[in-house]
Each structure stands twice: as structure tokens, then as C-alpha cells.
C-alpha atoms as a PDB file:
ATOM      1  CA  MET A   1       4.038   6.863  19.215  1.00  0.00           C
ATOM      2  CA  ASP A   2       6.084   9.094  16.945  1.00  0.00           C
ATOM      3  CA  VAL A   3       4.504  11.865  14.924  1.00  0.00           C
ATOM      4  CA  VAL A   4       3.961  10.737  11.347  1.00  0.00           C
ATOM      5  CA  GLN A   5       4.832  12.999   8.429  1.00  0.00           C
ATOM      6  CA  SER A   6       1.748  12.623   6.259  1.00  0.00           C
ATOM      7  CA  HIS A   7       3.130  13.098   2.771  1.00  0.00           C
ATOM      8  CA  TYR A   8       3.634   9.372   2.133  1.00  0.00           C
ATOM      9  CA  ILE A   9       6.644   9.600  -0.151  1.00  0.00           C
ATOM     10  CA  SER A  10       8.114   6.133  -0.429  1.00  0.00           C
ATOM     11  CA  ARG A  11      11.748   5.714   0.507  1.00  0.00           C
ATOM     12  CA  ASP A  12      12.020   2.444  -1.418  1.00  0.00           C
ATOM     13  CA  ARG A  13      14.567   2.931  -4.202  1.00  0.00           C
ATOM     14  CA  SER A  14      12.338   1.137  -6.699  1.00  0.00           C
ATOM     15  CA  THR A  15       9.494   3.654  -6.359  1.00  0.00           C
ATOM     16  CA  HIS A  16      10.830   6.861  -4.800  1.00  0.00           C
ATOM     17  CA  GLY A  17      12.342   8.321  -7.964  1.00  0.00           C
ATOM     18  CA  LEU A  18       9.289   7.369  -9.999  1.00  0.00           C
ATOM     19  CA  ALA A  19       7.005   9.069  -7.476  1.00  0.00           C
ATOM     20  CA  GLU A  20       9.000  12.277  -7.522  1.00  0.00           C
ATOM     21  CA  ARG A  21       8.893  12.448 -11.320  1.00  0.00           C
ATOM     22  CA  LEU A  22       5.180  11.745 -11.740  1.00  0.00           C
ATOM     23  CA  VAL A  23       3.435  13.716  -8.988  1.00  0.00           C
ATOM     24  CA  ARG A  24       3.190  17.121 -10.667  1.00  0.00           C
ATOM     25  CA  PRO A  25       2.624  15.958 -14.274  1.00  0.00           C
ATOM     26  CA  LEU A  26      -0.341  13.894 -13.074  1.00  0.00           C
ATOM     27  CA  GLY A  27      -1.890  16.829 -11.227  1.00  0.00           C
ATOM     28  CA  LEU A  28      -1.203  15.413  -7.775  1.00  0.00           C
ATOM     29  CA  ARG A  29       0.020  17.029  -4.584  1.00  0.00           C
ATOM     30  CA  LEU A  30       0.777  13.867  -2.599  1.00  0.00           C
ATOM     31  CA  ALA A  31       3.118  11.141  -3.810  1.00  0.00           C
ATOM     32  CA  GLY A  32       0.942   8.590  -2.035  1.00  0.00           C
ATOM     33  CA  ASP A  33      -1.841   9.375  -4.498  1.00  0.00           C
ATOM     34  CA  LEU A  34       0.112   7.828  -7.363  1.00  0.00           C
ATOM     35  CA  HIS A  35      -1.472   4.443  -6.701  1.00  0.00           C
ATOM     36  CA  GLU A  36      -4.933   6.026  -6.578  1.00  0.00           C
ATOM     37  CA  ARG A  37      -4.307   7.854  -9.853  1.00  0.00           C
ATOM     38  CA  ALA A  38      -3.017   4.642 -11.384  1.00  0.00           C
ATOM     39  CA  VAL A  39      -6.446   3.127 -10.784  1.00  0.00           C
ATOM     40  CA  ASP A  40      -8.048   5.997 -12.715  1.00  0.00           C
ATOM     41  CA  LEU A  41      -5.636   5.426 -15.597  1.00  0.00           C
ATOM     42  CA  GLY A  42      -5.800   1.629 -15.525  1.00  0.00           C
ATOM     43  CA  VAL A  43      -2.055   1.391 -14.917  1.00  0.00           C
ATOM     44  CA  ARG A  44      -0.446  -1.017 -12.473  1.00  0.00           C
ATOM     45  CA  LEU A  45       2.498   0.448 -10.564  1.00  0.00           C
ATOM     46  CA  PRO A  46       5.201  -1.656  -8.900  1.00  0.00           C
ATOM     47  CA  ALA A  47       4.718  -2.089  -5.166  1.00  0.00           C
ATOM     48  CA  GLY A  48       7.649  -1.081  -3.003  1.00  0.00           C
ATOM     49  CA  ALA A  49       8.809  -3.109  -0.019  1.00  0.00           C
ATOM     50  CA  LYS A  50       6.781  -1.045   2.460  1.00  0.00           C
ATOM     51  CA  ARG A  51       3.582  -1.440   0.471  1.00  0.00           C
ATOM     52  CA  ARG A  52       4.123  -5.186   0.131  1.00  0.00           C
ATOM     53  CA  GLY A  53       4.713  -5.327   3.872  1.00  0.00           C
ATOM     54  CA  ARG A  54       1.418  -3.549   4.581  1.00  0.00           C
ATOM     55  CA  LEU A  55      -0.479  -5.920   2.314  1.00  0.00           C
ATOM     56  CA  ASP A  56       1.125  -8.926   4.006  1.00  0.00           C
ATOM     57  CA  THR A  57       0.120  -7.545   7.412  1.00  0.00           C
ATOM     58  CA  ILE A  58      -3.496  -7.258   6.270  1.00  0.00           C
ATOM     59  CA  ARG A  59      -3.472 -10.788   4.858  1.00  0.00           C
ATOM     60  CA  ARG A  60      -2.155 -12.215   8.112  1.00  0.00           C
ATOM     61  CA  ARG A  61      -4.859 -10.424  10.119  1.00  0.00           C
ATOM     62  CA  GLY A  62      -7.557 -11.749   7.834  1.00  0.00           C
ATOM     63  CA  VAL A  63      -9.608  -8.558   7.614  1.00  0.00           C
ATOM     64  CA  LEU A  64      -9.284  -5.428   5.476  1.00  0.00           C
ATOM     65  CA  PHE A  65      -9.933  -2.099   7.178  1.00  0.00           C
ATOM     66  CA  ILE A  66     -10.430   0.920   4.921  1.00  0.00           C
ATOM     67  CA  HIS A  67      -9.018   3.897   6.805  1.00  0.00           C
ATOM     68  CA  VAL A  68     -11.329   6.867   6.193  1.00  0.00           C
ATOM     69  CA  PRO A  69      -9.614   9.948   7.705  1.00  0.00           C
ATOM     70  CA  LYS A  70     -10.996  11.628  10.840  1.00  0.00           C
ATOM     71  CA  ASN A  71     -13.097   8.572  11.709  1.00  0.00           C
ATOM     72  CA  ALA A  72     -10.953   6.981  14.458  1.00  0.00           C
ATOM     73  CA  GLY A  73      -8.978   5.135  11.799  1.00  0.00           C
ATOM     74  CA  THR A  74      -5.656   5.437  13.610  1.00  0.00           C
ATOM     75  CA  SER A  75      -7.103   3.670  16.636  1.00  0.00           C
ATOM     76  CA  VAL A  76      -8.614   0.905  14.542  1.00  0.00           C
ATOM     77  CA  SER A  77      -5.469   0.386  12.444  1.00  0.00           C
ATOM     78  CA  VAL A  78      -3.187   0.108  15.463  1.00  0.00           C
ATOM     79  CA  ALA A  79      -5.595  -2.212  17.270  1.00  0.00           C
ATOM     80  CA  LEU A  80      -5.972  -4.500  14.256  1.00  0.00           C
ATOM     81  CA  TYR A  81      -2.514  -4.498  12.738  1.00  0.00           C
ATOM     82  CA  GLY A  82      -0.202  -3.049  15.373  1.00  0.00           C
ATOM     83  CA  ARG A  83       0.595  -0.217  12.975  1.00  0.00           C
ATOM     84  CA  GLU A  84      -1.053   2.630  11.105  1.00  0.00           C
ATOM     85  CA  LEU A  85      -2.447   2.183   7.631  1.00  0.00           C
ATOM     86  CA  ARG A  86      -2.315   4.785   4.928  1.00  0.00           C
ATOM     87  CA  HIS A  87      -5.525   6.410   3.756  1.00  0.00           C
ATOM     88  CA  GLU A  88      -6.062   4.109   0.797  1.00  0.00           C
ATOM     89  CA  SER A  89      -9.320   3.587  -1.065  1.00  0.00           C
ATOM     90  CA  MET A  90     -11.030   0.269  -1.670  1.00  0.00           C
ATOM     91  CA  ARG A  91     -10.557   1.048  -5.372  1.00  0.00           C
ATOM     92  CA  SER A  92      -6.809   0.984  -4.884  1.00  0.00           C
ATOM     93  CA  TYR A  93      -6.881  -2.339  -3.031  1.00  0.00           C
ATOM     94  CA  LEU A  94      -9.101  -3.895  -5.711  1.00  0.00           C
ATOM     95  CA  HIS A  95      -6.614  -2.738  -8.347  1.00  0.00           C
ATOM     96  CA  ALA A  96      -3.343  -3.608  -6.614  1.00  0.00           C
ATOM     97  CA  ALA A  97      -4.330  -6.668  -4.565  1.00  0.00           C
ATOM     98  CA  PRO A  98      -7.619  -8.082  -5.885  1.00  0.00           C
ATOM     99  CA  ASP A  99      -7.012 -11.418  -4.164  1.00  0.00           C
ATOM    100  CA  LEU A 100      -6.941  -9.614  -0.817  1.00  0.00           C
ATOM    101  CA  ALA A 101      -9.761  -7.140  -1.461  1.00  0.00           C
ATOM    102  CA  ARG A 102     -12.228  -9.661  -2.877  1.00  0.00           C
ATOM    103  CA  VAL A 103     -11.640 -12.481  -0.404  1.00  0.00           C
ATOM    104  CA  LEU A 104     -11.105 -10.886   3.006  1.00  0.00           C
ATOM    105  CA  PRO A 105     -14.022  -9.350   4.917  1.00  0.00           C
ATOM    106  CA  SER A 106     -13.756  -5.563   4.780  1.00  0.00           C
ATOM    107  CA  PHE A 107     -15.146  -2.680   6.788  1.00  0.00           C
ATOM    108  CA  ALA A 108     -14.928   1.084   7.171  1.00  0.00           C
ATOM    109  CA  ILE A 109     -15.989   3.566   9.831  1.00  0.00           C
ATOM    110  CA  LEU A 110     -18.254   6.435   8.748  1.00  0.00           C
ATOM    111  CA  ARG A 111     -19.101   9.655  10.547  1.00  0.00           C
ATOM    112  CA  ASP A 112     -21.652  12.447  10.286  1.00  0.00           C
ATOM    113  CA  PRO A 113     -20.213  14.724   7.559  1.00  0.00           C
ATOM    114  CA  VAL A 114     -20.722  17.949   9.513  1.00  0.00           C
ATOM    115  CA  ASP A 115     -18.963  16.581  12.599  1.00  0.00           C
ATOM    116  CA  ARG A 116     -16.205  15.170  10.433  1.00  0.00           C
ATOM    117  CA  PHE A 117     -15.649  18.444   8.569  1.00  0.00           C
ATOM    118  CA  VAL A 118     -15.421  20.443  11.786  1.00  0.00           C
ATOM    119  CA  SER A 119     -12.909  17.903  13.125  1.00  0.00           C
ATOM    120  CA  ALA A 120     -10.948  18.068   9.862  1.00  0.00           C
ATOM    121  CA  PHE A 121     -10.898  21.864   9.985  1.00  0.00           C
ATOM    122  CA  THR A 122      -9.515  21.861  13.533  1.00  0.00           C
ATOM    123  CA  PHE A 123      -6.888  19.279  12.567  1.00  0.00           C
ATOM    124  CA  ALA A 124      -5.937  21.328   9.497  1.00  0.00           C
ATOM    125  CA  ARG A 125      -5.740  24.636  11.307  1.00  0.00           C
ATOM    126  CA  TYR A 126      -3.399  23.241  13.967  1.00  0.00           C
ATOM    127  CA  GLY A 127      -1.203  21.545  11.375  1.00  0.00           C
ATOM    128  CA  GLY A 128      -2.079  18.083  12.631  1.00  0.00           C
ATOM    129  CA  GLY A 129      -2.721  16.128  15.799  1.00  0.00           C
ATOM    130  CA  ALA A 130      -0.760  14.322  18.465  1.00  0.00           C
ATOM    131  CA  HIS A 131       0.473  11.528  16.174  1.00  0.00           C
ATOM    132  CA  ARG A 132       0.123  12.832  12.618  1.00  0.00           C
ATOM    133  CA  LEU A 133       0.917  16.074  10.826  1.00  0.00           C
ATOM    134  CA  VAL A 134      -0.916  17.609   7.917  1.00  0.00           C
ATOM    135  CA  ALA A 135       0.826  16.669   4.675  1.00  0.00           C
ATOM    136  CA  ALA A 136       3.679  19.046   3.918  1.00  0.00           C
ATOM    137  CA  PRO A 137       2.274  20.334   0.585  1.00  0.00           C
ATOM    138  CA  PHE A 138      -0.889  21.540   2.365  1.00  0.00           C
ATOM    139  CA  ARG A 139       0.323  22.426   5.852  1.00  0.00           C
ATOM    140  CA  ALA A 140       1.064  26.140   5.443  1.00  0.00           C
ATOM    141  CA  LEU A 141      -2.161  26.753   3.532  1.00  0.00           C
ATOM    142  CA  TYR A 142      -4.295  24.943   6.084  1.00  0.00           C
ATOM    143  CA  MET A 143      -2.670  26.543   9.100  1.00  0.00           C
ATOM    144  CA  GLY A 144      -3.547  29.880   7.518  1.00  0.00           C
ATOM    145  CA  PHE A 145      -7.276  29.139   7.540  1.00  0.00           C
ATOM    146  CA  LYS A 146      -9.091  31.736   9.645  1.00  0.00           C
ATOM    147  CA  SER A 147     -12.537  30.178   9.625  1.00  0.00           C
ATOM    148  CA  LEU A 148     -14.610  27.256   8.429  1.00  0.00           C
ATOM    149  CA  ASP A 149     -15.450  29.376   5.400  1.00  0.00           C
ATOM    150  CA  ASP A 150     -11.808  29.290   4.278  1.00  0.00           C
ATOM    151  CA  ALA A 151     -11.771  25.496   4.444  1.00  0.00           C
ATOM    152  CA  LEU A 152     -15.119  25.231   2.685  1.00  0.00           C
ATOM    153  CA  THR A 153     -13.963  27.491  -0.129  1.00  0.00           C
ATOM    154  CA  HIS A 154     -10.809  25.393  -0.504  1.00  0.00           C
ATOM    155  CA  VAL A 155     -12.864  22.222  -0.947  1.00  0.00           C
ATOM    156  CA  GLU A 156     -15.393  23.905  -3.235  1.00  0.00           C
ATOM    157  CA  ARG A 157     -12.626  25.135  -5.533  1.00  0.00           C
ATOM    158  CA  ALA A 158     -10.725  21.852  -5.688  1.00  0.00           C
ATOM    159  CA  ARG A 159     -10.832  20.393  -9.198  1.00  0.00           C
ATOM    160  CA  SER A 160     -10.503  16.850  -7.883  1.00  0.00           C
ATOM    161  CA  PRO A 161     -10.020  15.002  -4.577  1.00  0.00           C
ATOM    162  CA  TYR A 162      -6.293  15.026  -5.296  1.00  0.00           C
ATOM    163  CA  GLN A 163      -6.221  18.796  -4.797  1.00  0.00           C
ATOM    164  CA  MET A 164      -7.010  18.491  -1.084  1.00  0.00           C
ATOM    165  CA  ASP A 165      -5.553  16.482   1.776  1.00  0.00           C
ATOM    166  CA  HIS A 166      -7.219  13.193   2.634  1.00  0.00           C
ATOM    167  CA  PHE A 167      -9.280  14.368   5.581  1.00  0.00           C
ATOM    168  CA  PHE A 168     -11.257  16.804   3.397  1.00  0.00           C
ATOM    169  CA  ARG A 169     -12.098  14.180   0.765  1.00  0.00           C
ATOM    170  CA  PRO A 170     -15.582  12.609   0.764  1.00  0.00           C
ATOM    171  CA  GLN A 171     -15.930   9.421   2.762  1.00  0.00           C
ATOM    172  CA  SER A 172     -17.581   7.779  -0.234  1.00  0.00           C
ATOM    173  CA  TRP A 173     -14.333   8.212  -2.187  1.00  0.00           C
ATOM    174  CA  TYR A 174     -12.697   5.598   0.044  1.00  0.00           C
ATOM    175  CA  VAL A 175     -15.331   2.861   0.042  1.00  0.00           C
ATOM    176  CA  THR A 176     -16.547   2.701  -3.563  1.00  0.00           C
ATOM    177  CA  ASP A 177     -15.210   0.998  -6.675  1.00  0.00           C
ATOM    178  CA  ARG A 178     -14.396   2.610 -10.015  1.00  0.00           C
ATOM    179  CA  ASN A 179     -18.097   2.620 -10.901  1.00  0.00           C
ATOM    180  CA  GLY A 180     -19.125   4.407  -7.723  1.00  0.00           C
ATOM    181  CA  ARG A 181     -20.644   1.329  -6.099  1.00  0.00           C
ATOM    182  CA  VAL A 182     -20.042   0.508  -2.446  1.00  0.00           C
ATOM    183  CA  ALA A 183     -17.316  -2.146  -2.422  1.00  0.00           C
ATOM    184  CA  VAL A 184     -16.760  -2.513   1.336  1.00  0.00           C
ATOM    185  CA  ASP A 185     -18.630  -5.306   3.106  1.00  0.00           C
ATOM    186  CA  HIS A 186     -19.527  -3.428   6.290  1.00  0.00           C
ATOM    187  CA  LEU A 187     -20.079   0.309   6.794  1.00  0.00           C
ATOM    188  CA  ILE A 188     -20.118   1.045  10.520  1.00  0.00           C
ATOM    189  CA  SER A 189     -21.057   4.298  12.226  1.00  0.00           C
ATOM    190  CA  LEU A 190     -18.416   5.857  14.434  1.00  0.00           C
ATOM    191  CA  HIS A 191     -20.985   5.703  17.231  1.00  0.00           C
ATOM    192  CA  ASP A 192     -21.073   1.912  16.794  1.00  0.00           C
ATOM    193  CA  LEU A 193     -17.304   1.416  16.922  1.00  0.00           C
ATOM    194  CA  GLY A 194     -17.699  -0.702  20.043  1.00  0.00           C
ATOM    195  CA  GLN A 195     -19.869  -3.120  18.050  1.00  0.00           C
ATOM    196  CA  VAL A 196     -17.211  -3.969  15.475  1.00  0.00           C
ATOM    197  CA  ALA A 197     -16.410  -7.289  17.152  1.00  0.00           C
ATOM    198  CA  ARG A 198     -20.067  -8.294  16.918  1.00  0.00           C
ATOM    199  CA  ILE A 199     -20.244  -7.375  13.237  1.00  0.00           C
ATOM    200  CA  ILE A 200     -16.862  -8.693  12.036  1.00  0.00           C
ATOM    201  CA  PRO A 201     -16.084 -12.319  13.031  1.00  0.00           C
ATOM    202  CA  GLY A 202     -12.736 -12.952  14.687  1.00  0.00           C
ATOM    203  CA  LEU A 203     -12.299  -9.530  16.277  1.00  0.00           C
ATOM    204  CA  GLU A 204     -13.709 -10.341  19.704  1.00  0.00           C
ATOM    205  CA  ASP A 205     -10.364  -9.662  21.391  1.00  0.00           C
ATOM    206  CA  VAL A 206      -9.735  -6.270  19.742  1.00  0.00           C
ATOM    207  CA  HIS A 207      -9.897  -3.101  21.844  1.00  0.00           C
ATOM    208  CA  PHE A 208      -9.837   0.269  20.120  1.00  0.00           C
ATOM    209  CA  PRO A 209      -8.075   3.041  22.079  1.00  0.00           C
ATOM    210  CA  PHE A 210      -8.567   6.577  20.802  1.00  0.00           C
ATOM    211  CA  LEU A 211      -5.389   7.856  19.141  1.00  0.00           C
ATOM    212  CA  ASN A 212      -4.501  10.955  17.152  1.00  0.00           C
ATOM    213  CA  ALA A 213      -6.974  13.196  18.937  1.00  0.00           C
ATOM    214  CA  GLY A 214      -6.548  16.818  17.984  1.00  0.00           C
ATOM    215  CA  PRO A 215      -7.336  19.849  20.123  1.00  0.00           C
ATOM    216  CA  ARG A 216     -10.692  19.504  21.820  1.00  0.00           C
ATOM    217  CA  GLN A 217     -11.997  22.955  20.948  1.00  0.00           C
ATOM    218  CA  ARG A 218     -15.134  22.590  18.866  1.00  0.00           C
ATOM    219  CA  GLN A 219     -16.208  25.264  16.419  1.00  0.00           C
ATOM    220  CA  ASN A 220     -19.947  25.195  15.807  1.00  0.00           C
ATOM    221  CA  PRO A 221     -20.804  25.917  12.168  1.00  0.00           C
ATOM    222  CA  THR A 222     -23.368  28.540  11.277  1.00  0.00           C
ATOM    223  CA  GLN A 223     -26.501  27.485   9.414  1.00  0.00           C
ATOM    224  CA  GLU A 224     -24.968  28.677   6.151  1.00  0.00           C
ATOM    225  CA  GLN A 225     -21.716  26.812   6.799  1.00  0.00           C
ATOM    226  CA  GLU A 226     -23.645  23.659   7.617  1.00  0.00           C
ATOM    227  CA  ARG A 227     -25.611  24.054   4.384  1.00  0.00           C
ATOM    228  CA  ARG A 228     -22.351  24.278   2.431  1.00  0.00           C
ATOM    229  CA  ILE A 229     -20.966  21.186   4.163  1.00  0.00           C
ATOM    230  CA  ARG A 230     -24.120  19.206   3.409  1.00  0.00           C
ATOM    231  CA  ALA A 231     -23.989  20.287  -0.230  1.00  0.00           C
ATOM    232  CA  LEU A 232     -20.319  19.363  -0.604  1.00  0.00           C
ATOM    233  CA  TYR A 233     -20.742  15.948   1.009  1.00  0.00           C
ATOM    234  CA  ARG A 234     -24.182  15.001  -0.277  1.00  0.00           C
ATOM    235  CA  CYS A 235     -22.738  11.714  -1.503  1.00  0.00           C
ATOM    236  CA  ASP A 236     -21.735  10.847   2.064  1.00  0.00           C
ATOM    237  CA  TYR A 237     -25.267  11.377   3.317  1.00  0.00           C
ATOM    238  CA  ASP A 238     -26.479   9.074   0.556  1.00  0.00           C
ATOM    239  CA  LEU A 239     -23.874   6.555   1.658  1.00  0.00           C
ATOM    240  CA  MET A 240     -24.862   6.703   5.309  1.00  0.00           C
ATOM    241  CA  ALA A 241     -28.499   6.178   4.366  1.00  0.00           C
ATOM    242  CA  GLN A 242     -27.477   2.679   3.244  1.00  0.00           C
ATOM    243  CA  MET A 243     -25.900   1.755   6.563  1.00  0.00           C
ATOM    244  CA  PRO A 244     -28.874   0.271   8.461  1.00  0.00           C
ATOM    245  CA  ALA A 245     -29.648  -2.117   5.623  1.00  0.00           C
ATOM    246  CA  ARG A 246     -25.981  -3.111   5.241  1.00  0.00           C
ATOM    247  CA  ARG A 247     -25.565  -3.725   8.967  1.00  0.00           C
ATOM    248  CA  ALA A 248     -28.692  -5.814   9.316  1.00  0.00           C
END
């Protein structure tokens, strides 16, 4: 699999110029966030050919997977659709393709926030993984991180999720609607990835290989760093507390 440049700038003529003109005025760093920002503003943007193709692929498969970064999403996307999906929130799907988002069964993989942050930090510091690079607008900054504290300070100072790359954004940001309510049918722990076929009908034949693994070195956070992570991602702990009831 080729390495993916993770800045998500559309090459469709109908949307590329628009994306380039709107990114900075809207306070964004990634052109792919235009559709997310459009949800905030209540504006419907035209879908380029690639976006329409992705939506058609999801419709044909009959299940909507919300790709939360650093939660084995590359593996799940490739296994389900034969291709990667962008990191797109359920909010965005509800806005752009309500027929798809409201009718198809949906699921997302969640992960312990401390483990996820450490994985995100390693990914950021190395500039990416085997199959995906850190988005160009953030790559130099992230590769300059010397410690978990640098990454934590970056997230703490961000004025909005749009001021950080996807893998540092809260998991809850991807699975809730505009009112902050969980909008995904099934929230599944990363540890239960092998149970997806039991939980989601029609996926009995799907096998999830592990793709996009970064370097295996694990940096253990100090107690203070772990406290900061838990404070930053408190909403994700609240979200994960709902999982047993939602999986029952």
C-alpha cells in the first residue's frame, strides 16, 4: 500500500479551488476540514467526485464505519471497503448524506485515551506511520516534539479541534451530532475488534489485518502527564462509560 499524504486537499476541479480559498479565512489548517466546518456553519458544500465515490462505496457495503484516528481505523476501512476512509465525523455524514447516515447501521472503534494519546504522540514525532504521513501543515511542528509534554501543551493551547491534526482530537468529536449526543449505533472497544462481526450483522466474513502500525517503542507517561491526558479527554472517558450499555 502506498503512503498516503494526509492533508486531504481535493484534486477535483469543482472543489479544489474553493478549498484553497476558504481554509485560512475559516481558521482551518486542513482543507479536508471544510466539510466539518460547513456543518458548524449550516452550509452545504458541493461534493467532489472522490467524495461521491466514497459515499457510494459505503452505500454498497451497507454499513457506515466512523474512522476515529489511532484506533485501527485503517485496518477496518480496508477490510470493509477495500480502501481507506478519511477521518470524517458522524456530524459530517448526517449533514452531507443524511439518507446514508440515518439508515445504515454505523459503528466506531474507541480506545483508552491514555493509550491513544501515547500512540498519537509516537506517530506525530516520527512524521507518520508505514502507510500514512502526518498532514503537511503539522508535520514539521510534530516532528519537533521532544516529549509528551510538548504534545500535551499543543493540544491544551489549541483554540478548536481544527487547530490540531485528527489523531489528537477527542474521540467524542467523531461520533456525536451537532448537539453533542452520540449518533453512532455501536461503540466498540479496540480490545473487542474481533467481535465486530457478532455485533454488526452481515460482517461475518470480514477479517481485520493491522495496518498503519507506527514504531513499536512505547513511551510511558508520568503521573502528571497522565493526569493532563485524562483532563484533556474527559469527554472520551464519559463516552466510554456508555459502551457496556450500548453493546448490550
